[in-house]
Amino acid sequence: MRVLIIGAGRIGMHLIQYLSTSDDNQLTVIEKNLERCREVSDISDATILNEDGSKPEVLKKAEASQMDLLLVSTRDDRTNLAITRQSKKEFGVPRIITVANSPKNKQRISEAGADIVICPVELALRDFENLLARDRATTLIYRPELDLRVAETTIPLNATLIGKKIHEIHMPEKCRVALVTRDDTYVFPDPELELRSGDKVLLLGDAPSVAKTVELLRSSETA
């Protein structure tokens, strides 16, 4: 696979190290900072261009149109946006993964042509949410562009819903019980499944509905 990486900062260096472990990947790296270029040469055999990846002539020199994958990871979202737009519209790169340093720029970068937009800030916030609310629910997947959250919560010993069947629980419309883990195994729940204390329940839906369902499943735990 031919991969072009633009930006060899903290994220870019991790990507370079990871992709360099496979001999099947042919890497090209564009980085403006000379010292970082030297660091890239120390950890990989990538083709390195010490230039500005936002310039069309540099993308052409890097043979962007021949790449299977482009990873855009500079620290400036305006630069990432410009590179993404040019690479998709002018060079026809089939798959582009772009970093959004600020959550507010995710939508614009996606509209510019990124197939996947990764926001480290959102990922960090999700980890903090799990840490601070670990006794309530653990977020496993969060896709803000879809308002989709997958979370797991545990039914406490004195929850008011113990013994009730799933179809008897008045959950929000946009939330579903996807899986129940019990006694070291799991079941795909049907409407007649009764909830027990200790059940780990996997919830799928929009973020507000999942949050409401977590509170519903754990309600009166201190009563």
N, C-alpha and C. Protein backbone atom coordinates (compact mmCIF):
# COMPACT_ATOMS: atom_id res chain seq x y z
N MET A 1 0.84 -1.19 0.00
CA MET A 1 0.00 0.00 0.00
C MET A 1 0.88 1.24 0.00
N ARG A 2 0.57 2.16 -0.88
CA ARG A 2 1.30 3.42 -0.95
C ARG A 2 0.61 4.44 -0.05
N VAL A 3 1.36 4.95 0.92
CA VAL A 3 0.79 5.85 1.94
C VAL A 3 1.57 7.16 1.96
N LEU A 4 0.82 8.26 1.93
CA LEU A 4 1.42 9.58 2.06
C LEU A 4 1.01 10.16 3.40
N ILE A 5 1.99 10.58 4.20
CA ILE A 5 1.73 11.18 5.50
C ILE A 5 2.22 12.62 5.46
N ILE A 6 1.33 13.55 5.77
CA ILE A 6 1.70 14.96 5.78
C ILE A 6 1.63 15.46 7.22
N GLY A 7 2.79 15.79 7.75
CA GLY A 7 2.88 16.22 9.14
C GLY A 7 3.51 15.14 10.00
N ALA A 8 4.73 15.39 10.47
CA ALA A 8 5.44 14.40 11.28
C ALA A 8 5.59 14.90 12.71
N GLY A 9 4.49 15.43 13.23
CA GLY A 9 4.47 15.82 14.63
C GLY A 9 4.24 14.60 15.51
N ARG A 10 3.66 14.83 16.68
CA ARG A 10 3.45 13.73 17.63
C ARG A 10 2.59 12.62 17.03
N ILE A 11 1.47 12.99 16.43
CA ILE A 11 0.58 11.99 15.84
C ILE A 11 1.22 11.37 14.61
N GLY A 12 1.78 12.21 13.76
CA GLY A 12 2.40 11.71 12.53
C GLY A 12 3.52 10.73 12.80
N MET A 13 4.34 11.00 13.81
CA MET A 13 5.44 10.10 14.12
C MET A 13 4.94 8.73 14.57
N HIS A 14 3.86 8.72 15.35
CA HIS A 14 3.29 7.43 15.77
C HIS A 14 2.78 6.65 14.55
N LEU A 15 2.15 7.37 13.63
CA LEU A 15 1.64 6.71 12.41
C LEU A 15 2.79 6.15 11.58
N ILE A 16 3.86 6.92 11.47
CA ILE A 16 5.02 6.47 10.69
C ILE A 16 5.64 5.22 11.31
N GLN A 17 5.80 5.25 12.63
CA GLN A 17 6.36 4.08 13.32
C GLN A 17 5.48 2.85 13.11
N TYR A 18 4.19 3.03 13.24
CA TYR A 18 3.26 1.91 13.10
C TYR A 18 3.28 1.34 11.68
N LEU A 19 3.17 2.21 10.69
CA LEU A 19 3.09 1.75 9.30
C LEU A 19 4.43 1.18 8.82
N SER A 20 5.53 1.63 9.43
CA SER A 20 6.85 1.14 9.02
C SER A 20 7.10 -0.30 9.45
N THR A 21 6.27 -0.83 10.33
CA THR A 21 6.47 -2.21 10.79
C THR A 21 6.11 -3.23 9.71
N SER A 22 5.40 -2.80 8.67
CA SER A 22 5.01 -3.72 7.60
C SER A 22 5.79 -3.41 6.33
N ASP A 23 6.39 -4.43 5.76
CA ASP A 23 7.14 -4.25 4.51
C ASP A 23 6.21 -4.01 3.33
N ASP A 24 4.92 -4.25 3.54
CA ASP A 24 3.96 -4.05 2.45
C ASP A 24 3.62 -2.59 2.22
N ASN A 25 4.01 -1.72 3.17
CA ASN A 25 3.68 -0.30 3.05
C ASN A 25 4.86 0.48 2.47
N GLN A 26 4.56 1.32 1.49
CA GLN A 26 5.55 2.24 0.92
C GLN A 26 5.19 3.65 1.39
N LEU A 27 6.03 4.21 2.25
CA LEU A 27 5.70 5.48 2.87
C LEU A 27 6.41 6.66 2.22
N THR A 28 5.63 7.74 2.07
CA THR A 28 6.19 9.04 1.71
C THR A 28 5.74 10.03 2.77
N VAL A 29 6.67 10.82 3.29
CA VAL A 29 6.37 11.77 4.35
C VAL A 29 6.73 13.18 3.89
N ILE A 30 5.79 14.10 4.11
CA ILE A 30 6.05 15.52 3.85
C ILE A 30 6.03 16.25 5.18
N GLU A 31 7.12 16.96 5.47
CA GLU A 31 7.24 17.67 6.75
C GLU A 31 8.10 18.92 6.55
N LYS A 32 7.61 20.08 7.04
CA LYS A 32 8.33 21.34 6.84
C LYS A 32 9.55 21.46 7.75
N ASN A 33 9.47 20.85 8.95
CA ASN A 33 10.54 21.00 9.93
C ASN A 33 11.67 20.02 9.62
N LEU A 34 12.86 20.56 9.41
CA LEU A 34 14.00 19.74 9.02
C LEU A 34 14.38 18.73 10.10
N GLU A 35 14.36 19.15 11.36
CA GLU A 35 14.73 18.25 12.44
C GLU A 35 13.79 17.06 12.52
N ARG A 36 12.51 17.30 12.31
CA ARG A 36 11.56 16.19 12.31
C ARG A 36 11.81 15.26 11.14
N CYS A 37 12.19 15.81 10.01
CA CYS A 37 12.53 14.96 8.87
C CYS A 37 13.68 14.02 9.22
N ARG A 38 14.65 14.54 9.95
CA ARG A 38 15.77 13.70 10.38
C ARG A 38 15.31 12.60 11.32
N GLU A 39 14.34 12.94 12.19
CA GLU A 39 13.80 11.93 13.11
C GLU A 39 13.06 10.85 12.34
N VAL A 40 12.34 11.24 11.30
CA VAL A 40 11.64 10.26 10.46
C VAL A 40 12.63 9.31 9.80
N SER A 41 13.74 9.87 9.32
CA SER A 41 14.74 9.03 8.66
C SER A 41 15.39 8.04 9.61
N ASP A 42 15.36 8.36 10.91
CA ASP A 42 15.95 7.47 11.91
C ASP A 42 15.08 6.26 12.21
N ILE A 43 13.78 6.39 11.98
CA ILE A 43 12.87 5.30 12.37
C ILE A 43 12.21 4.61 11.20
N SER A 44 12.47 5.08 9.97
CA SER A 44 11.81 4.45 8.81
C SER A 44 12.65 4.64 7.56
N ASP A 45 12.28 3.91 6.53
CA ASP A 45 12.93 4.09 5.23
C ASP A 45 12.02 4.83 4.27
N ALA A 46 11.16 5.69 4.82
CA ALA A 46 10.21 6.45 4.02
C ALA A 46 10.92 7.44 3.11
N THR A 47 10.29 7.75 1.99
CA THR A 47 10.73 8.86 1.16
C THR A 47 10.29 10.14 1.86
N ILE A 48 11.23 11.05 2.10
CA ILE A 48 10.95 12.24 2.91
C ILE A 48 11.12 13.50 2.08
N LEU A 49 10.09 14.36 2.13
CA LEU A 49 10.15 15.66 1.46
C LEU A 49 10.10 16.75 2.52
N ASN A 50 11.16 17.53 2.65
CA ASN A 50 11.22 18.63 3.61
C ASN A 50 10.60 19.87 2.97
N GLU A 51 9.26 19.84 2.86
CA GLU A 51 8.56 20.91 2.15
C GLU A 51 7.19 21.13 2.77
N ASP A 52 6.45 22.08 2.18
CA ASP A 52 5.12 22.45 2.65
C ASP A 52 4.08 21.61 1.91
N GLY A 53 3.43 20.70 2.64
CA GLY A 53 2.50 19.78 2.02
C GLY A 53 1.20 20.41 1.56
N SER A 54 0.97 21.68 1.88
CA SER A 54 -0.26 22.34 1.45
C SER A 54 -0.14 22.91 0.03
N LYS A 55 1.06 22.88 -0.53
CA LYS A 55 1.28 23.42 -1.88
C LYS A 55 1.02 22.34 -2.93
N PRO A 56 0.22 22.64 -3.95
CA PRO A 56 -0.11 21.66 -4.99
C PRO A 56 1.12 21.06 -5.66
N GLU A 57 2.14 21.88 -5.89
CA GLU A 57 3.33 21.38 -6.57
C GLU A 57 4.07 20.34 -5.71
N VAL A 58 3.97 20.50 -4.39
CA VAL A 58 4.61 19.53 -3.50
C VAL A 58 3.83 18.22 -3.50
N LEU A 59 2.50 18.32 -3.49
CA LEU A 59 1.67 17.12 -3.57
C LEU A 59 1.91 16.37 -4.88
N LYS A 60 2.08 17.13 -5.95
CA LYS A 60 2.38 16.50 -7.24
C LYS A 60 3.74 15.82 -7.20
N LYS A 61 4.72 16.48 -6.59
CA LYS A 61 6.06 15.91 -6.47
C LYS A 61 6.04 14.63 -5.64
N ALA A 62 5.15 14.57 -4.67
CA ALA A 62 5.02 13.39 -3.82
C ALA A 62 4.19 12.29 -4.48
N GLU A 63 3.70 12.56 -5.68
CA GLU A 63 2.87 11.60 -6.44
C GLU A 63 1.59 11.25 -5.67
N ALA A 64 0.93 12.31 -5.18
CA ALA A 64 -0.29 12.11 -4.41
C ALA A 64 -1.35 11.34 -5.18
N SER A 65 -1.41 11.55 -6.48
CA SER A 65 -2.43 10.89 -7.30
C SER A 65 -2.22 9.38 -7.38
N GLN A 66 -1.05 8.90 -6.99
CA GLN A 66 -0.75 7.47 -7.05
C GLN A 66 -0.91 6.79 -5.69
N MET A 67 -1.28 7.55 -4.68
CA MET A 67 -1.35 7.00 -3.32
C MET A 67 -2.66 6.24 -3.09
N ASP A 68 -2.56 5.22 -2.26
CA ASP A 68 -3.75 4.48 -1.83
C ASP A 68 -4.38 5.12 -0.61
N LEU A 69 -3.56 5.78 0.20
CA LEU A 69 -4.04 6.36 1.45
C LEU A 69 -3.26 7.62 1.78
N LEU A 70 -3.98 8.65 2.23
CA LEU A 70 -3.35 9.89 2.68
C LEU A 70 -3.72 10.11 4.14
N LEU A 71 -2.71 10.38 4.97
CA LEU A 71 -2.91 10.70 6.37
C LEU A 71 -2.45 12.14 6.60
N VAL A 72 -3.37 13.02 6.96
CA VAL A 72 -3.06 14.44 7.14
C VAL A 72 -3.05 14.74 8.63
N SER A 73 -1.90 15.11 9.17
CA SER A 73 -1.79 15.24 10.63
C SER A 73 -0.96 16.43 11.05
N THR A 74 -1.11 17.59 10.39
CA THR A 74 -0.40 18.78 10.86
C THR A 74 -1.14 19.35 12.07
N ARG A 75 -0.53 20.31 12.73
CA ARG A 75 -1.13 20.89 13.94
C ARG A 75 -2.08 22.04 13.62
N ASP A 76 -2.20 22.39 12.34
CA ASP A 76 -3.03 23.52 11.93
C ASP A 76 -4.22 23.00 11.13
N ASP A 77 -5.44 23.23 11.62
CA ASP A 77 -6.63 22.71 10.95
C ASP A 77 -6.88 23.36 9.60
N ARG A 78 -6.49 24.63 9.45
CA ARG A 78 -6.66 25.28 8.15
C ARG A 78 -5.77 24.60 7.11
N THR A 79 -4.58 24.23 7.51
CA THR A 79 -3.68 23.51 6.61
C THR A 79 -4.24 22.13 6.30
N ASN A 80 -4.73 21.45 7.32
CA ASN A 80 -5.30 20.12 7.11
C ASN A 80 -6.50 20.18 6.17
N LEU A 81 -7.31 21.22 6.33
CA LEU A 81 -8.47 21.40 5.47
C LEU A 81 -8.05 21.61 4.02
N ALA A 82 -7.08 22.48 3.81
CA ALA A 82 -6.62 22.78 2.44
C ALA A 82 -6.01 21.55 1.78
N ILE A 83 -5.19 20.82 2.53
CA ILE A 83 -4.55 19.62 1.98
C ILE A 83 -5.61 18.58 1.62
N THR A 84 -6.57 18.40 2.50
CA THR A 84 -7.63 17.42 2.26
C THR A 84 -8.40 17.76 0.99
N ARG A 85 -8.79 19.02 0.85
CA ARG A 85 -9.58 19.44 -0.32
C ARG A 85 -8.79 19.24 -1.62
N GLN A 86 -7.55 19.68 -1.62
CA GLN A 86 -6.73 19.53 -2.82
C GLN A 86 -6.50 18.06 -3.17
N SER A 87 -6.22 17.27 -2.17
CA SER A 87 -5.87 15.87 -2.40
C SER A 87 -7.05 15.09 -2.96
N LYS A 88 -8.25 15.43 -2.51
CA LYS A 88 -9.43 14.71 -2.99
C LYS A 88 -9.87 15.22 -4.36
N LYS A 89 -9.94 16.55 -4.53
CA LYS A 89 -10.50 17.11 -5.75
C LYS A 89 -9.50 17.14 -6.91
N GLU A 90 -8.24 17.46 -6.60
CA GLU A 90 -7.26 17.65 -7.66
C GLU A 90 -6.42 16.40 -7.92
N PHE A 91 -6.24 15.58 -6.91
CA PHE A 91 -5.38 14.41 -7.07
C PHE A 91 -6.14 13.10 -6.93
N GLY A 92 -7.39 13.16 -6.54
CA GLY A 92 -8.23 11.96 -6.51
C GLY A 92 -7.76 10.87 -5.57
N VAL A 93 -7.18 11.25 -4.44
CA VAL A 93 -6.74 10.24 -3.47
C VAL A 93 -7.97 9.48 -2.97
N PRO A 94 -8.00 8.14 -3.10
CA PRO A 94 -9.21 7.38 -2.79
C PRO A 94 -9.60 7.35 -1.32
N ARG A 95 -8.62 7.44 -0.42
CA ARG A 95 -8.94 7.36 1.01
C ARG A 95 -8.08 8.35 1.77
N ILE A 96 -8.76 9.24 2.49
CA ILE A 96 -8.06 10.29 3.23
C ILE A 96 -8.52 10.25 4.69
N ILE A 97 -7.55 10.18 5.59
CA ILE A 97 -7.81 10.27 7.02
C ILE A 97 -7.13 11.53 7.53
N THR A 98 -7.91 12.43 8.12
CA THR A 98 -7.40 13.73 8.51
C THR A 98 -7.63 13.98 10.00
N VAL A 99 -6.64 14.61 10.61
CA VAL A 99 -6.75 14.99 12.02
C VAL A 99 -7.42 16.36 12.13
N ALA A 100 -8.40 16.47 13.02
CA ALA A 100 -8.98 17.76 13.38
C ALA A 100 -8.49 18.10 14.79
N ASN A 101 -7.69 19.15 14.90
CA ASN A 101 -7.15 19.51 16.21
C ASN A 101 -8.21 20.11 17.11
N SER A 102 -9.26 20.67 16.51
CA SER A 102 -10.38 21.22 17.26
C SER A 102 -11.67 20.54 16.82
N PRO A 103 -12.52 20.14 17.76
CA PRO A 103 -13.78 19.48 17.38
C PRO A 103 -14.65 20.31 16.45
N LYS A 104 -14.59 21.63 16.57
CA LYS A 104 -15.45 22.49 15.76
C LYS A 104 -15.10 22.44 14.27
N ASN A 105 -13.92 21.92 13.94
CA ASN A 105 -13.50 21.88 12.54
C ASN A 105 -13.76 20.53 11.87
N LYS A 106 -14.28 19.57 12.61
CA LYS A 106 -14.48 18.23 12.06
C LYS A 106 -15.41 18.24 10.85
N GLN A 107 -16.51 18.95 10.95
CA GLN A 107 -17.49 18.95 9.87
C GLN A 107 -16.92 19.55 8.60
N ARG A 108 -16.22 20.66 8.72
CA ARG A 108 -15.64 21.32 7.55
C ARG A 108 -14.60 20.43 6.88
N ILE A 109 -13.79 19.75 7.66
CA ILE A 109 -12.78 18.87 7.09
C ILE A 109 -13.44 17.68 6.40
N SER A 110 -14.50 17.17 6.99
CA SER A 110 -15.23 16.07 6.36
C SER A 110 -15.83 16.52 5.04
N GLU A 111 -16.41 17.70 5.01
CA GLU A 111 -17.01 18.23 3.78
C GLU A 111 -15.96 18.51 2.72
N ALA A 112 -14.72 18.73 3.14
CA ALA A 112 -13.63 18.99 2.19
C ALA A 112 -13.17 17.72 1.48
N GLY A 113 -13.59 16.55 2.00
CA GLY A 113 -13.25 15.32 1.31
C GLY A 113 -12.62 14.23 2.16
N ALA A 114 -12.44 14.49 3.46
CA ALA A 114 -11.86 13.45 4.32
C ALA A 114 -12.84 12.30 4.49
N ASP A 115 -12.35 11.09 4.32
CA ASP A 115 -13.20 9.91 4.51
C ASP A 115 -13.39 9.62 5.99
N ILE A 116 -12.36 9.90 6.78
CA ILE A 116 -12.43 9.75 8.23
C ILE A 116 -11.75 10.97 8.85
N VAL A 117 -12.39 11.55 9.86
CA VAL A 117 -11.80 12.66 10.60
C VAL A 117 -11.61 12.22 12.04
N ILE A 118 -10.38 12.33 12.53
CA ILE A 118 -10.06 11.94 13.90
C ILE A 118 -9.74 13.19 14.71
N CYS A 119 -10.39 13.32 15.87
CA CYS A 119 -10.15 14.47 16.73
C CYS A 119 -9.59 13.99 18.07
N PRO A 120 -8.29 14.18 18.30
CA PRO A 120 -7.67 13.74 19.56
C PRO A 120 -8.33 14.34 20.79
N VAL A 121 -8.83 15.58 20.69
CA VAL A 121 -9.47 16.21 21.84
C VAL A 121 -10.72 15.43 22.24
N GLU A 122 -11.52 15.03 21.26
CA GLU A 122 -12.73 14.26 21.55
C GLU A 122 -12.38 12.90 22.16
N LEU A 123 -11.34 12.28 21.64
CA LEU A 123 -10.93 10.99 22.20
C LEU A 123 -10.49 11.14 23.65
N ALA A 124 -9.76 12.22 23.94
CA ALA A 124 -9.32 12.46 25.32
C ALA A 124 -10.51 12.73 26.23
N LEU A 125 -11.48 13.51 25.73
CA LEU A 125 -12.67 13.81 26.52
C LEU A 125 -13.46 12.54 26.82
N ARG A 126 -13.51 11.63 25.85
CA ARG A 126 -14.21 10.36 26.09
C ARG A 126 -13.52 9.56 27.18
N ASP A 127 -12.18 9.57 27.16
CA ASP A 127 -11.44 8.85 28.21
C ASP A 127 -11.69 9.47 29.58
N PHE A 128 -11.71 10.80 29.63
CA PHE A 128 -11.99 11.47 30.91
C PHE A 128 -13.41 11.16 31.37
N GLU A 129 -14.34 11.15 30.42
CA GLU A 129 -15.73 10.83 30.78
C GLU A 129 -15.82 9.44 31.40
N ASN A 130 -15.12 8.49 30.78
CA ASN A 130 -15.13 7.12 31.32
C ASN A 130 -14.49 7.07 32.70
N LEU A 131 -13.43 7.85 32.88
CA LEU A 131 -12.73 7.85 34.17
C LEU A 131 -13.61 8.44 35.27
N LEU A 132 -14.24 9.58 34.97
CA LEU A 132 -15.03 10.28 35.97
C LEU A 132 -16.38 9.61 36.24
N ALA A 133 -16.87 8.86 35.24
CA ALA A 133 -18.19 8.24 35.39
C ALA A 133 -18.11 6.72 35.33
N ARG A 134 -16.98 6.17 35.77
CA ARG A 134 -16.78 4.75 35.60
C ARG A 134 -17.77 3.92 36.42
N ASP A 135 -18.35 4.52 37.46
CA ASP A 135 -19.34 3.79 38.25
C ASP A 135 -20.73 3.88 37.63
N ARG A 136 -20.88 4.67 36.57
CA ARG A 136 -22.18 4.83 35.92
C ARG A 136 -22.22 4.08 34.59
N ALA A 137 -21.33 4.45 33.69
CA ALA A 137 -21.31 3.81 32.37
C ALA A 137 -19.95 4.05 31.72
N THR A 138 -19.56 3.13 30.86
CA THR A 138 -18.33 3.25 30.10
C THR A 138 -18.65 3.42 28.63
N THR A 139 -18.19 4.52 28.03
CA THR A 139 -18.42 4.74 26.61
C THR A 139 -17.41 3.93 25.81
N LEU A 140 -17.90 3.07 24.95
CA LEU A 140 -17.03 2.23 24.12
C LEU A 140 -16.82 2.84 22.75
N ILE A 141 -17.86 3.46 22.20
CA ILE A 141 -17.77 4.11 20.90
C ILE A 141 -18.55 5.42 20.98
N TYR A 142 -17.97 6.47 20.43
CA TYR A 142 -18.70 7.74 20.33
C TYR A 142 -18.41 8.35 18.97
N ARG A 143 -19.46 8.52 18.17
CA ARG A 143 -19.34 9.11 16.84
C ARG A 143 -20.17 10.39 16.81
N PRO A 144 -19.55 11.52 17.16
CA PRO A 144 -20.32 12.77 17.27
C PRO A 144 -20.98 13.19 15.97
N GLU A 145 -20.36 12.87 14.82
CA GLU A 145 -20.97 13.28 13.56
C GLU A 145 -22.29 12.57 13.31
N LEU A 146 -22.48 11.41 13.96
CA LEU A 146 -23.74 10.67 13.86
C LEU A 146 -24.58 10.80 15.12
N ASP A 147 -24.02 11.47 16.13
CA ASP A 147 -24.62 11.50 17.46
C ASP A 147 -24.90 10.08 17.93
N LEU A 148 -23.90 9.22 17.80
CA LEU A 148 -24.03 7.81 18.14
C LEU A 148 -23.11 7.47 19.31
N ARG A 149 -23.68 6.83 20.32
CA ARG A 149 -22.90 6.41 21.47
C ARG A 149 -23.20 4.95 21.79
N VAL A 150 -22.15 4.18 22.03
CA VAL A 150 -22.29 2.81 22.51
C VAL A 150 -21.66 2.78 23.90
N ALA A 151 -22.44 2.41 24.90
CA ALA A 151 -21.96 2.45 26.28
C ALA A 151 -22.40 1.20 27.03
N GLU A 152 -21.62 0.87 28.07
CA GLU A 152 -21.95 -0.28 28.91
C GLU A 152 -22.15 0.18 30.34
N THR A 153 -23.21 -0.32 30.96
CA THR A 153 -23.46 -0.02 32.36
C THR A 153 -23.84 -1.31 33.09
N THR A 154 -23.69 -1.30 34.39
CA THR A 154 -23.98 -2.48 35.21
C THR A 154 -25.22 -2.22 36.06
N ILE A 155 -26.13 -3.18 36.09
CA ILE A 155 -27.33 -3.06 36.91
C ILE A 155 -26.92 -3.24 38.38
N PRO A 156 -27.14 -2.25 39.24
CA PRO A 156 -26.74 -2.36 40.65
C PRO A 156 -27.67 -3.27 41.45
N LEU A 157 -27.24 -3.58 42.66
CA LEU A 157 -27.95 -4.56 43.48
C LEU A 157 -29.37 -4.14 43.82
N ASN A 158 -29.59 -2.84 44.04
CA ASN A 158 -30.91 -2.39 44.46
C ASN A 158 -31.62 -1.54 43.42
N ALA A 159 -31.33 -1.78 42.14
CA ALA A 159 -32.02 -1.05 41.08
C ALA A 159 -33.50 -1.42 41.06
N THR A 160 -34.32 -0.45 40.78
CA THR A 160 -35.77 -0.68 40.79
C THR A 160 -36.25 -1.55 39.63
N LEU A 161 -35.42 -1.68 38.58
CA LEU A 161 -35.84 -2.42 37.40
C LEU A 161 -35.46 -3.90 37.44
N ILE A 162 -34.84 -4.36 38.52
CA ILE A 162 -34.48 -5.77 38.62
C ILE A 162 -35.74 -6.63 38.55
N GLY A 163 -35.70 -7.63 37.70
CA GLY A 163 -36.84 -8.53 37.54
C GLY A 163 -37.79 -8.11 36.44
N LYS A 164 -37.64 -6.90 35.94
CA LYS A 164 -38.50 -6.45 34.85
C LYS A 164 -37.96 -6.95 33.51
N LYS A 165 -38.90 -7.19 32.60
CA LYS A 165 -38.51 -7.58 31.26
C LYS A 165 -38.17 -6.34 30.43
N ILE A 166 -37.34 -6.56 29.43
CA ILE A 166 -36.86 -5.42 28.64
C ILE A 166 -38.02 -4.64 28.03
N HIS A 167 -39.05 -5.35 27.56
CA HIS A 167 -40.16 -4.65 26.91
C HIS A 167 -41.00 -3.85 27.91
N GLU A 168 -40.79 -4.09 29.21
CA GLU A 168 -41.52 -3.34 30.23
C GLU A 168 -40.81 -2.05 30.64
N ILE A 169 -39.61 -1.87 30.13
CA ILE A 169 -38.82 -0.69 30.48
C ILE A 169 -39.09 0.41 29.47
N HIS A 170 -39.49 1.56 29.93
CA HIS A 170 -39.83 2.67 29.03
C HIS A 170 -38.57 3.47 28.69
N MET A 171 -37.81 2.90 27.78
CA MET A 171 -36.56 3.55 27.36
C MET A 171 -36.85 4.62 26.31
N PRO A 172 -35.97 5.58 26.16
CA PRO A 172 -36.12 6.57 25.09
C PRO A 172 -36.19 5.88 23.73
N GLU A 173 -36.88 6.51 22.80
CA GLU A 173 -37.10 5.92 21.48
C GLU A 173 -35.80 5.61 20.75
N LYS A 174 -34.79 6.47 20.93
CA LYS A 174 -33.55 6.32 20.18
C LYS A 174 -32.46 5.63 20.99
N CYS A 175 -32.84 4.61 21.74
CA CYS A 175 -31.87 3.81 22.48
C CYS A 175 -32.34 2.36 22.50
N ARG A 176 -31.40 1.45 22.33
CA ARG A 176 -31.70 0.03 22.33
C ARG A 176 -30.71 -0.72 23.20
N VAL A 177 -31.18 -1.81 23.81
CA VAL A 177 -30.30 -2.74 24.50
C VAL A 177 -29.75 -3.69 23.46
N ALA A 178 -28.43 -3.63 23.22
CA ALA A 178 -27.81 -4.43 22.17
C ALA A 178 -27.30 -5.77 22.67
N LEU A 179 -26.89 -5.82 23.94
CA LEU A 179 -26.26 -7.03 24.47
C LEU A 179 -26.35 -7.02 25.98
N VAL A 180 -26.50 -8.21 26.57
CA VAL A 180 -26.47 -8.35 28.02
C VAL A 180 -25.44 -9.41 28.38
N THR A 181 -24.46 -9.03 29.21
CA THR A 181 -23.45 -9.97 29.68
C THR A 181 -23.84 -10.45 31.07
N ARG A 182 -23.86 -11.78 31.26
CA ARG A 182 -24.31 -12.37 32.52
C ARG A 182 -23.62 -13.71 32.73
N ASP A 183 -23.12 -13.97 33.93
CA ASP A 183 -22.53 -15.27 34.27
C ASP A 183 -21.45 -15.68 33.27
N ASP A 184 -20.55 -14.74 32.96
CA ASP A 184 -19.40 -15.02 32.08
C ASP A 184 -19.81 -15.41 30.67
N THR A 185 -21.00 -15.02 30.26
CA THR A 185 -21.41 -15.23 28.87
C THR A 185 -22.26 -14.03 28.47
N TYR A 186 -22.73 -14.02 27.24
CA TYR A 186 -23.55 -12.90 26.79
C TYR A 186 -24.74 -13.42 26.00
N VAL A 187 -25.77 -12.61 25.95
CA VAL A 187 -26.96 -12.96 25.17
C VAL A 187 -27.39 -11.75 24.37
N PHE A 188 -27.95 -12.03 23.20
CA PHE A 188 -28.61 -10.98 22.43
C PHE A 188 -30.04 -10.92 22.95
N PRO A 189 -30.39 -9.90 23.68
CA PRO A 189 -31.65 -9.92 24.43
C PRO A 189 -32.89 -9.84 23.54
N ASP A 190 -33.91 -10.61 23.94
CA ASP A 190 -35.22 -10.46 23.33
C ASP A 190 -36.09 -9.68 24.31
N PRO A 191 -37.27 -9.23 23.90
CA PRO A 191 -38.11 -8.40 24.77
C PRO A 191 -38.50 -9.06 26.09
N GLU A 192 -38.43 -10.41 26.17
CA GLU A 192 -38.86 -11.11 27.37
C GLU A 192 -37.75 -11.32 28.39
N LEU A 193 -36.53 -10.90 28.06
CA LEU A 193 -35.42 -11.11 28.98
C LEU A 193 -35.60 -10.25 30.23
N GLU A 194 -35.48 -10.89 31.41
CA GLU A 194 -35.56 -10.18 32.68
C GLU A 194 -34.18 -9.72 33.11
N LEU A 195 -34.10 -8.52 33.58
CA LEU A 195 -32.83 -7.97 34.04
C LEU A 195 -32.54 -8.41 35.47
N ARG A 196 -31.26 -8.67 35.73
CA ARG A 196 -30.82 -9.09 37.06
C ARG A 196 -29.73 -8.15 37.55
N SER A 197 -29.54 -8.12 38.86
CA SER A 197 -28.44 -7.32 39.40
C SER A 197 -27.12 -7.91 38.91
N GLY A 198 -26.20 -7.06 38.57
CA GLY A 198 -24.91 -7.51 38.07
C GLY A 198 -24.85 -7.65 36.55
N ASP A 199 -26.01 -7.61 35.89
CA ASP A 199 -26.00 -7.67 34.42
C ASP A 199 -25.24 -6.47 33.88
N LYS A 200 -24.39 -6.73 32.89
CA LYS A 200 -23.73 -5.64 32.17
C LYS A 200 -24.52 -5.44 30.87
N VAL A 201 -25.05 -4.26 30.70
CA VAL A 201 -25.96 -3.97 29.60
C VAL A 201 -25.27 -3.04 28.60
N LEU A 202 -25.27 -3.46 27.35
CA LEU A 202 -24.68 -2.66 26.28
C LEU A 202 -25.79 -1.87 25.59
N LEU A 203 -25.64 -0.55 25.58
CA LEU A 203 -26.67 0.34 25.04
C LEU A 203 -26.17 1.01 23.77
N LEU A 204 -27.09 1.19 22.83
CA LEU A 204 -26.76 1.80 21.54
C LEU A 204 -27.81 2.85 21.21
N GLY A 205 -27.37 4.05 20.87
CA GLY A 205 -28.32 5.09 20.50
C GLY A 205 -27.68 6.46 20.47
N ASP A 206 -28.50 7.50 20.35
CA ASP A 206 -27.91 8.84 20.39
C ASP A 206 -27.47 9.15 21.82
N ALA A 207 -26.53 10.06 21.94
CA ALA A 207 -25.89 10.29 23.24
C ALA A 207 -26.87 10.67 24.35
N PRO A 208 -27.80 11.60 24.13
CA PRO A 208 -28.73 11.93 25.21
C PRO A 208 -29.62 10.77 25.63
N SER A 209 -30.07 9.97 24.65
CA SER A 209 -30.94 8.84 24.96
C SER A 209 -30.20 7.77 25.74
N VAL A 210 -28.95 7.53 25.38
CA VAL A 210 -28.15 6.54 26.11
C VAL A 210 -27.94 7.00 27.55
N ALA A 211 -27.65 8.29 27.73
CA ALA A 211 -27.43 8.82 29.08
C ALA A 211 -28.70 8.66 29.93
N LYS A 212 -29.85 8.94 29.34
CA LYS A 212 -31.12 8.79 30.08
C LYS A 212 -31.38 7.33 30.44
N THR A 213 -31.03 6.42 29.52
CA THR A 213 -31.26 5.00 29.77
C THR A 213 -30.34 4.48 30.87
N VAL A 214 -29.12 4.96 30.88
CA VAL A 214 -28.19 4.57 31.95
C VAL A 214 -28.79 4.96 33.31
N GLU A 215 -29.29 6.18 33.42
CA GLU A 215 -29.87 6.61 34.67
C GLU A 215 -31.11 5.79 35.02
N LEU A 216 -31.87 5.42 33.99
CA LEU A 216 -33.07 4.61 34.23
C LEU A 216 -32.70 3.23 34.75
N LEU A 217 -31.72 2.61 34.15
CA LEU A 217 -31.33 1.26 34.54
C LEU A 217 -30.71 1.23 35.95
N ARG A 218 -30.10 2.34 36.33
CA ARG A 218 -29.42 2.39 37.63
C ARG A 218 -30.23 3.15 38.68
N SER A 219 -31.46 3.48 38.38
CA SER A 219 -32.25 4.33 39.27
C SER A 219 -32.50 3.67 40.62
N SER A 220 -32.56 4.50 41.64
CA SER A 220 -32.86 4.12 43.02
C SER A 220 -31.81 3.17 43.59
N GLU A 221 -30.60 3.21 43.06
CA GLU A 221 -29.58 2.31 43.56
C GLU A 221 -29.16 2.64 45.00
N THR A 222 -29.47 3.86 45.43
CA THR A 222 -29.12 4.23 46.81
C THR A 222 -30.36 4.34 47.70
N ALA A 223 -31.52 3.96 47.15
CA ALA A 223 -32.76 4.08 47.92
C ALA A 223 -32.80 3.05 49.03
